[in-house]
N, C-alpha and C. Protein backbone atom coordinates (compact mmCIF):
# COMPACT_ATOMS: atom_id res chain seq x y z
N UNK A 1 36.55 -24.39 20.99
CA UNK A 1 37.09 -23.63 19.96
C UNK A 1 37.16 -22.09 20.01
N UNK A 2 36.10 -21.97 21.01
CA UNK A 2 35.80 -20.36 21.37
C UNK A 2 34.91 -19.53 20.35
N UNK A 3 35.11 -18.16 20.53
CA UNK A 3 34.42 -17.33 19.62
C UNK A 3 35.27 -17.37 18.17
N UNK A 4 36.49 -17.61 18.29
CA UNK A 4 37.11 -17.44 16.93
C UNK A 4 37.31 -18.83 16.13
N UNK A 5 36.90 -18.72 15.05
CA UNK A 5 36.97 -19.74 14.21
C UNK A 5 37.68 -19.64 12.82
N UNK A 6 38.60 -19.97 12.60
CA UNK A 6 39.38 -19.98 11.38
C UNK A 6 38.65 -20.79 9.78
N UNK A 7 38.50 -20.14 9.04
CA UNK A 7 37.80 -20.63 8.10
C UNK A 7 38.90 -21.32 7.08
N UNK A 8 38.78 -22.39 6.82
CA UNK A 8 39.70 -23.26 6.02
C UNK A 8 39.52 -22.97 4.57
N UNK A 9 40.62 -22.49 3.67
CA UNK A 9 40.47 -22.34 2.15
C UNK A 9 40.50 -23.51 1.59
N UNK A 10 39.44 -23.58 0.56
CA UNK A 10 39.74 -24.77 -0.33
C UNK A 10 40.75 -24.62 -1.48
N UNK A 11 41.21 -25.74 -1.65
CA UNK A 11 42.27 -25.78 -2.53
C UNK A 11 42.04 -26.60 -3.72
N UNK A 12 42.79 -26.19 -5.11
CA UNK A 12 42.69 -27.00 -5.98
C UNK A 12 43.91 -27.43 -6.52
N UNK A 13 44.05 -28.43 -7.34
CA UNK A 13 45.02 -28.84 -7.85
C UNK A 13 45.41 -28.15 -9.33
N UNK A 14 46.59 -27.76 -9.45
CA UNK A 14 46.75 -27.10 -10.94
C UNK A 14 48.08 -27.74 -11.57
N UNK A 15 48.30 -27.84 -12.79
CA UNK A 15 49.57 -27.90 -13.48
C UNK A 15 50.63 -27.05 -13.08
N UNK A 16 51.87 -27.58 -12.62
CA UNK A 16 52.91 -26.75 -12.31
C UNK A 16 53.29 -25.89 -13.12
N UNK A 17 53.17 -24.52 -12.94
CA UNK A 17 53.59 -23.41 -13.76
C UNK A 17 55.00 -23.40 -13.92
N UNK A 18 55.67 -23.51 -12.93
CA UNK A 18 57.33 -23.37 -13.03
C UNK A 18 57.85 -24.39 -14.12
N UNK A 19 57.52 -25.49 -13.85
CA UNK A 19 58.08 -26.82 -14.97
C UNK A 19 57.20 -26.93 -16.11
N UNK A 20 55.94 -26.23 -16.21
CA UNK A 20 54.90 -26.40 -17.19
C UNK A 20 54.49 -27.93 -17.14
N UNK A 21 54.44 -28.51 -15.96
CA UNK A 21 54.09 -29.84 -15.97
C UNK A 21 54.78 -30.88 -16.28
N UNK A 22 55.99 -30.77 -16.39
CA UNK A 22 57.11 -31.65 -16.85
C UNK A 22 57.57 -32.37 -15.70
N UNK A 23 57.68 -31.75 -14.54
CA UNK A 23 58.13 -32.27 -13.20
C UNK A 23 59.48 -32.45 -13.19
N UNK A 24 60.34 -31.75 -14.07
CA UNK A 24 61.58 -31.45 -14.25
C UNK A 24 62.11 -30.09 -13.93
N UNK A 25 63.38 -29.86 -13.59
CA UNK A 25 63.86 -28.52 -13.37
C UNK A 25 63.86 -27.85 -14.86
N UNK A 26 63.07 -26.79 -15.11
CA UNK A 26 63.11 -26.20 -16.58
C UNK A 26 64.51 -25.47 -16.89
N UNK A 27 65.16 -25.18 -15.94
CA UNK A 27 66.75 -24.52 -16.44
C UNK A 27 67.81 -25.67 -16.23
N UNK A 28 67.36 -26.82 -15.75
CA UNK A 28 68.60 -27.69 -15.67
C UNK A 28 69.84 -27.45 -14.91
N UNK A 29 69.82 -26.53 -13.88
CA UNK A 29 70.42 -26.15 -13.16
C UNK A 29 71.62 -27.39 -12.49
N UNK A 30 70.91 -28.15 -11.80
CA UNK A 30 71.69 -29.17 -11.22
C UNK A 30 72.05 -30.29 -12.26
N UNK A 31 71.45 -30.87 -12.96
CA UNK A 31 71.21 -31.69 -14.08
C UNK A 31 70.27 -31.70 -14.95
N UNK A 32 70.02 -32.58 -16.23
CA UNK A 32 68.92 -32.51 -16.98
C UNK A 32 68.02 -33.19 -16.27
N UNK A 33 68.01 -34.21 -15.40
CA UNK A 33 67.30 -35.23 -14.66
C UNK A 33 66.87 -34.56 -13.34
N UNK A 34 67.25 -33.40 -13.11
CA UNK A 34 66.84 -32.81 -11.67
C UNK A 34 65.40 -32.71 -11.62
N UNK A 35 64.61 -33.01 -10.65
CA UNK A 35 63.06 -32.62 -10.27
C UNK A 35 62.88 -31.24 -10.33
N UNK A 36 61.79 -30.82 -10.59
CA UNK A 36 61.10 -29.35 -10.20
C UNK A 36 61.04 -29.21 -8.64
N UNK A 37 61.77 -28.24 -8.22
CA UNK A 37 61.68 -27.94 -7.07
C UNK A 37 60.39 -27.10 -6.19
N UNK A 38 59.53 -26.84 -7.19
CA UNK A 38 58.26 -26.29 -6.80
C UNK A 38 57.40 -27.52 -6.55
N UNK A 39 57.26 -28.39 -7.64
CA UNK A 39 56.01 -29.21 -7.47
C UNK A 39 56.95 -30.71 -6.89
N UNK A 40 58.08 -30.65 -6.87
CA UNK A 40 58.85 -31.93 -6.32
C UNK A 40 58.64 -32.85 -7.37
N UNK A 41 58.49 -32.58 -8.67
CA UNK A 41 58.57 -33.99 -9.58
C UNK A 41 57.07 -34.32 -9.88
N UNK A 42 56.17 -33.75 -8.94
CA UNK A 42 54.78 -34.53 -9.05
C UNK A 42 54.04 -33.61 -10.44
N UNK A 43 54.36 -32.59 -11.04
CA UNK A 43 53.57 -31.95 -12.18
C UNK A 43 52.47 -31.43 -11.84
N UNK A 44 52.04 -31.34 -10.55
CA UNK A 44 50.72 -30.78 -10.13
C UNK A 44 51.26 -29.90 -8.82
N UNK A 45 50.24 -28.93 -8.65
CA UNK A 45 50.53 -27.89 -7.19
C UNK A 45 49.18 -27.91 -6.67
N UNK A 46 49.24 -27.70 -5.40
CA UNK A 46 47.80 -27.20 -4.60
C UNK A 46 47.95 -25.66 -4.29
N UNK A 47 46.62 -24.91 -4.68
CA UNK A 47 46.64 -23.56 -4.36
C UNK A 47 45.50 -23.24 -4.12
N UNK A 48 45.23 -22.34 -2.82
CA UNK A 48 44.10 -22.11 -2.53
C UNK A 48 43.12 -21.23 -3.54
N UNK A 49 41.90 -21.73 -3.23
CA UNK A 49 40.89 -21.12 -4.17
C UNK A 49 39.88 -20.30 -3.27
N UNK A 50 39.32 -19.19 -3.62
CA UNK A 50 39.59 -18.56 -4.99
C UNK A 50 41.10 -18.04 -5.13
N UNK A 51 41.54 -17.88 -6.48
CA UNK A 51 43.05 -17.31 -6.62
C UNK A 51 43.09 -16.51 -7.79
N UNK A 52 44.09 -15.93 -7.77
CA UNK A 52 44.50 -14.78 -8.84
C UNK A 52 45.69 -15.01 -9.55
N UNK A 53 45.91 -14.91 -10.64
CA UNK A 53 47.33 -14.81 -11.35
C UNK A 53 48.31 -13.84 -10.53
N UNK A 54 49.25 -14.40 -10.34
CA UNK A 54 50.73 -13.62 -9.43
C UNK A 54 50.92 -12.44 -10.66
N UNK A 55 50.81 -11.10 -9.92
CA UNK A 55 51.02 -9.87 -10.81
C UNK A 55 52.60 -9.86 -10.94
N UNK A 56 53.40 -10.09 -10.00
CA UNK A 56 54.92 -10.10 -10.26
C UNK A 56 55.33 -10.81 -11.38
N UNK A 57 55.06 -12.17 -11.29
CA UNK A 57 55.75 -12.88 -12.49
C UNK A 57 54.59 -12.96 -13.69
N UNK A 58 53.50 -12.46 -13.49
CA UNK A 58 52.35 -12.50 -14.47
C UNK A 58 52.25 -13.90 -14.70
N UNK A 59 52.08 -14.56 -13.83
CA UNK A 59 51.52 -16.16 -13.77
C UNK A 59 52.65 -17.10 -14.53
N UNK A 60 53.81 -16.64 -14.65
CA UNK A 60 54.78 -17.59 -15.18
C UNK A 60 55.53 -18.52 -14.23
N UNK A 61 55.57 -17.94 -12.95
CA UNK A 61 56.08 -18.62 -11.98
C UNK A 61 57.66 -18.46 -11.69
N UNK A 62 58.25 -17.73 -12.61
CA UNK A 62 59.67 -17.45 -12.52
C UNK A 62 59.84 -16.08 -12.54
N UNK A 63 60.89 -15.60 -11.35
CA UNK A 63 61.30 -14.20 -11.24
C UNK A 63 61.41 -13.39 -12.49
N UNK A 64 60.69 -12.33 -12.65
CA UNK A 64 60.86 -11.74 -13.77
C UNK A 64 62.17 -10.90 -14.24
N UNK A 65 63.16 -10.92 -13.35
CA UNK A 65 64.48 -10.13 -13.53
C UNK A 65 65.34 -10.95 -14.23
N UNK A 66 65.29 -11.84 -14.88
CA UNK A 66 66.14 -12.33 -15.61
C UNK A 66 66.62 -13.58 -14.81
N UNK A 67 66.20 -13.81 -13.71
CA UNK A 67 66.98 -15.06 -12.82
C UNK A 67 66.29 -16.07 -13.29
N UNK A 68 66.79 -17.32 -13.00
CA UNK A 68 66.08 -18.77 -13.21
C UNK A 68 65.59 -19.28 -11.64
N UNK A 69 65.22 -18.49 -10.80
CA UNK A 69 64.57 -18.87 -9.53
C UNK A 69 63.01 -18.88 -9.81
N UNK A 70 62.47 -19.43 -8.55
CA UNK A 70 61.16 -19.31 -8.62
C UNK A 70 60.49 -17.79 -8.07
N UNK A 71 59.28 -17.50 -8.48
CA UNK A 71 58.74 -16.07 -8.33
C UNK A 71 58.86 -16.06 -6.43
N UNK A 72 59.15 -14.91 -6.13
CA UNK A 72 59.16 -14.49 -4.78
C UNK A 72 57.79 -14.53 -4.34
N UNK A 73 56.87 -14.07 -4.82
CA UNK A 73 55.45 -13.67 -4.77
C UNK A 73 54.58 -14.91 -4.33
N UNK A 74 54.66 -15.69 -5.39
CA UNK A 74 53.88 -17.05 -5.45
C UNK A 74 54.57 -18.49 -5.24
N UNK A 75 55.82 -18.21 -5.28
CA UNK A 75 56.67 -19.38 -4.99
C UNK A 75 56.71 -20.32 -6.24
N UNK A 76 56.72 -19.61 -7.29
CA UNK A 76 56.76 -20.50 -8.30
C UNK A 76 55.40 -21.14 -8.95
N UNK A 77 54.23 -20.97 -8.16
CA UNK A 77 52.89 -21.70 -8.74
C UNK A 77 52.42 -20.96 -9.74
N UNK A 78 52.57 -19.49 -9.67
CA UNK A 78 51.92 -18.65 -10.77
C UNK A 78 50.59 -17.99 -10.28
N UNK A 79 49.98 -18.40 -9.48
CA UNK A 79 49.00 -17.91 -8.76
C UNK A 79 49.16 -17.63 -7.12
N UNK A 80 48.10 -16.75 -6.87
CA UNK A 80 48.01 -16.44 -5.23
C UNK A 80 46.74 -16.46 -4.87
N UNK A 81 46.47 -16.74 -3.45
CA UNK A 81 44.98 -16.73 -2.88
C UNK A 81 44.55 -15.18 -3.07
N UNK A 82 43.13 -15.27 -3.62
CA UNK A 82 42.38 -13.93 -3.62
C UNK A 82 42.25 -13.35 -2.36
N UNK A 83 42.35 -12.22 -2.24
CA UNK A 83 41.92 -11.55 -0.98
C UNK A 83 40.57 -10.61 -1.14
N UNK A 84 39.75 -11.06 -0.51
CA UNK A 84 38.12 -10.42 -0.60
C UNK A 84 38.39 -9.05 -0.67
N UNK A 85 38.80 -8.54 0.30
CA UNK A 85 38.94 -7.01 0.68
C UNK A 85 40.14 -6.16 0.02
N UNK A 86 40.88 -7.05 -0.82
CA UNK A 86 42.01 -6.11 -1.34
C UNK A 86 41.63 -4.95 -2.15
N UNK A 87 42.70 -4.34 -2.00
CA UNK A 87 42.61 -3.06 -3.20
C UNK A 87 43.93 -2.82 -3.86
N UNK A 88 44.06 -2.31 -4.99
CA UNK A 88 45.25 -2.10 -5.72
C UNK A 88 46.31 -1.35 -4.69
N UNK A 89 47.56 -2.15 -4.67
CA UNK A 89 48.68 -1.57 -4.00
C UNK A 89 48.98 -0.16 -4.49
N UNK A 90 49.19 0.82 -3.67
CA UNK A 90 49.51 2.12 -3.94
C UNK A 90 50.89 2.35 -4.23
N UNK A 91 51.97 1.47 -3.80
CA UNK A 91 53.25 1.63 -4.01
C UNK A 91 53.67 1.16 -5.46
N UNK A 92 52.96 -0.17 -5.92
CA UNK A 92 53.61 -0.42 -7.09
C UNK A 92 52.36 -0.36 -8.27
N UNK A 93 51.25 0.23 -7.87
CA UNK A 93 50.09 0.74 -8.94
C UNK A 93 49.64 -0.83 -9.21
N UNK A 94 49.78 -1.81 -8.39
CA UNK A 94 49.16 -3.43 -9.11
C UNK A 94 49.96 -4.09 -9.76
N UNK A 95 51.37 -3.55 -9.90
CA UNK A 95 52.09 -4.54 -10.95
C UNK A 95 52.90 -5.57 -10.21
N UNK A 96 53.04 -5.40 -8.79
CA UNK A 96 53.68 -6.22 -7.83
C UNK A 96 55.36 -5.91 -8.14
N UNK A 97 55.77 -4.89 -8.89
CA UNK A 97 57.25 -4.61 -8.91
C UNK A 97 57.47 -3.28 -8.54
N UNK A 98 58.58 -2.77 -7.59
CA UNK A 98 58.69 -1.37 -7.39
C UNK A 98 59.22 -0.72 -8.33
N UNK A 99 59.53 0.37 -8.13
CA UNK A 99 59.90 1.39 -9.34
C UNK A 99 61.35 0.82 -10.24
N UNK A 100 62.23 0.09 -9.59
CA UNK A 100 63.30 -0.31 -10.38
C UNK A 100 63.20 -2.04 -10.79
N UNK A 101 61.86 -2.36 -10.77
CA UNK A 101 61.53 -3.52 -11.21
C UNK A 101 61.81 -4.90 -10.37
N UNK A 102 61.96 -4.56 -8.94
CA UNK A 102 62.12 -5.50 -7.99
C UNK A 102 60.79 -5.80 -7.32
N UNK A 103 60.60 -6.98 -6.58
CA UNK A 103 59.56 -7.29 -5.85
C UNK A 103 59.00 -6.19 -4.73
N UNK A 104 57.86 -6.03 -4.88
CA UNK A 104 57.45 -4.91 -4.01
C UNK A 104 57.06 -5.27 -2.60
N UNK A 105 58.02 -4.61 -1.75
CA UNK A 105 57.61 -5.06 -0.43
C UNK A 105 56.39 -4.79 0.31
N UNK A 106 55.71 -3.99 -0.30
CA UNK A 106 54.66 -3.39 0.43
C UNK A 106 53.39 -4.50 0.24
N UNK A 107 53.19 -4.88 -1.01
CA UNK A 107 52.02 -5.90 -1.00
C UNK A 107 52.81 -7.38 -1.44
N UNK A 108 54.12 -7.64 -1.16
CA UNK A 108 54.59 -8.84 -1.32
C UNK A 108 54.53 -9.18 -2.80
N UNK A 109 54.52 -8.33 -3.79
CA UNK A 109 54.53 -8.52 -5.19
C UNK A 109 53.16 -9.13 -5.74
N UNK A 110 52.02 -9.24 -4.74
CA UNK A 110 50.68 -9.44 -5.17
C UNK A 110 49.94 -8.40 -6.13
N UNK A 111 50.49 -7.30 -5.73
CA UNK A 111 49.59 -6.36 -6.58
C UNK A 111 48.76 -5.70 -5.85
N UNK A 112 48.09 -6.27 -4.50
CA UNK A 112 46.92 -6.02 -3.83
C UNK A 112 47.29 -5.92 -2.50
N UNK A 113 46.79 -4.71 -1.87
CA UNK A 113 47.04 -4.62 -0.28
C UNK A 113 45.93 -4.47 0.30
N UNK A 114 45.84 -5.03 1.40
CA UNK A 114 44.70 -5.41 2.35
C UNK A 114 44.47 -3.85 3.01
N UNK A 115 43.23 -3.33 3.02
CA UNK A 115 43.31 -2.01 3.74
C UNK A 115 43.29 -1.90 5.25
N UNK A 116 43.71 -0.94 5.84
CA UNK A 116 44.08 -1.15 7.16
C UNK A 116 42.61 -0.73 8.04
N UNK A 117 42.31 -1.67 9.01
CA UNK A 117 41.20 -1.45 9.79
C UNK A 117 41.16 -0.21 10.51
N UNK A 118 40.26 0.59 10.59
CA UNK A 118 40.16 1.75 11.53
C UNK A 118 39.51 1.67 12.65
């Protein structure tokens, strides 16, 4: 393994935020019987621990610009892995959105930016 050893994150299982634990597509786009594409109908998803509520979708799992798609930042889970050294993103002021309400490209919608190493 050498001098570099990657630390594996612990994972926890939570109720799927996108479908609210129903296992069905909440917007019935394909059909009323279609399974949720975030949890694949399992009603639960796994997320790294520790985690924080997604800033972009505010933990709802749905893109906040009126679309019926999974959130771009958290992929519909509603939570993102917490970063130990993260600071508030200066581009979006921690909201996860840019000035026109779209996904912040600087912090990838998380609202947190990892400081650059000097």
